[in-house]
Amino acid sequence: MAVIILLMAVKIRGYGLLLQDRVIRNEENFRYYRLTGKFLDTQLSLKQVIALRFADDNEYPDLVERTISENLSPDEIKKSVQNWRADHHRV
């Protein structure tokens, strides 16, 4: 019984993290649309989108374009951010 409860807890936690990832992708897509009038490029990976969320609105569109053209890794994206926008709501 303990193993079943442990597996359920892990599975439930996984669903929560997947939901958070989907919310972040939608928030960042809306943010990019609000700033540029265009949707985010679908070739951006989820990890790239998650890294981009730390960029300030002023540098966000340029950093997105640079990420697409240079295929920056999430670490390179985070190092490129000049004005850090913290995310205190991620669990």
Protein backbone atom coordinates (compact mmCIF):
# COMPACT_ATOMS: atom_id res chain seq x y z
CA MET A 1 0.00 0.00 0.00
CA ALA A 2 2.87 2.39 0.80
CA VAL A 3 4.38 1.84 -2.65
CA ILE A 4 1.06 2.66 -4.32
CA ILE A 5 0.71 5.87 -2.29
CA LEU A 6 4.29 6.86 -3.18
CA LEU A 7 3.69 6.22 -6.88
CA MET A 8 0.46 8.24 -6.76
CA ALA A 9 2.27 11.15 -5.10
CA VAL A 10 4.99 11.12 -7.77
CA LYS A 11 2.41 10.92 -10.56
CA ILE A 12 0.33 13.77 -9.12
CA ARG A 13 3.44 15.93 -8.72
CA GLY A 14 4.34 15.23 -12.36
CA TYR A 15 0.93 16.42 -13.53
CA GLY A 16 1.39 19.66 -11.61
CA LEU A 17 4.78 20.31 -13.20
CA LEU A 18 3.43 19.59 -16.69
CA LEU A 19 0.60 22.03 -16.07
CA GLN A 20 3.03 24.70 -14.89
CA ASP A 21 5.10 24.22 -18.05
CA ARG A 22 2.01 24.64 -20.22
CA VAL A 23 1.00 27.79 -18.32
CA ILE A 24 4.50 29.26 -18.73
CA ARG A 25 4.47 28.56 -22.47
CA ASN A 26 1.04 30.22 -22.81
CA GLU A 27 2.03 33.21 -20.66
CA GLU A 28 5.22 33.80 -22.63
CA ASN A 29 3.39 33.38 -25.94
CA PHE A 30 0.85 36.00 -24.85
CA ARG A 31 3.63 38.27 -23.56
CA TYR A 32 5.46 38.08 -26.89
CA TYR A 33 2.18 38.71 -28.74
CA ARG A 34 1.45 41.71 -26.51
CA LEU A 35 4.90 43.18 -27.19
CA THR A 36 5.22 42.41 -30.92
CA GLY A 37 1.82 41.44 -32.32
CA LYS A 38 3.23 38.02 -33.34
CA PHE A 39 3.17 34.60 -31.72
CA LEU A 40 6.32 32.86 -30.49
CA ASP A 41 8.05 30.67 -33.05
CA THR A 42 7.12 27.03 -32.61
CA GLN A 43 10.74 25.93 -33.04
CA LEU A 44 11.57 27.29 -29.58
CA SER A 45 11.86 24.44 -27.09
CA LEU A 46 10.06 24.52 -23.78
CA LYS A 47 13.37 24.93 -21.95
CA GLN A 48 14.23 27.95 -24.11
CA VAL A 49 10.82 29.52 -23.42
CA ILE A 50 11.24 28.90 -19.69
CA ALA A 51 14.67 30.57 -19.80
CA LEU A 52 13.30 33.52 -21.78
CA ARG A 53 10.72 34.31 -19.10
CA PHE A 54 13.46 35.90 -16.97
CA ALA A 55 14.09 38.68 -19.52
CA ASP A 56 12.65 42.14 -18.99
CA ASP A 57 9.97 43.33 -21.44
CA ASN A 58 12.41 45.80 -23.04
CA GLU A 59 14.89 43.11 -24.08
CA TYR A 60 12.47 40.20 -24.51
CA PRO A 61 11.61 40.52 -28.25
CA ASP A 62 15.25 40.98 -29.27
CA LEU A 63 16.35 38.05 -27.11
CA VAL A 64 13.65 35.84 -28.62
CA GLU A 65 14.83 36.71 -32.14
CA ARG A 66 18.44 36.09 -31.14
CA THR A 67 17.50 32.76 -29.58
CA ILE A 68 15.79 31.66 -32.79
CA SER A 69 18.58 32.81 -35.11
CA GLU A 70 21.49 31.50 -32.98
CA ASN A 71 19.65 28.55 -31.37
CA LEU A 72 20.80 29.62 -27.90
CA SER A 73 20.74 27.09 -25.08
CA PRO A 74 18.75 27.90 -21.92
CA ASP A 75 22.00 28.68 -20.07
CA GLU A 76 23.14 31.04 -22.83
CA ILE A 77 19.74 32.76 -22.74
CA LYS A 78 19.96 33.29 -18.98
CA LYS A 79 23.50 34.68 -19.31
CA SER A 80 22.27 37.10 -22.00
CA VAL A 81 19.56 38.60 -19.83
CA GLN A 82 20.58 42.11 -18.75
CA ASN A 83 17.61 43.03 -16.54
CA TRP A 84 16.58 39.95 -14.58
CA ARG A 85 12.86 39.43 -13.97
CA ALA A 86 12.53 36.92 -11.13
CA ASP A 87 9.82 34.23 -11.06
CA HIS A 88 8.87 33.62 -7.44
CA HIS A 89 5.73 31.61 -8.25
CA ARG A 90 7.28 28.44 -9.73
CA VAL A 91 6.96 25.48 -7.41
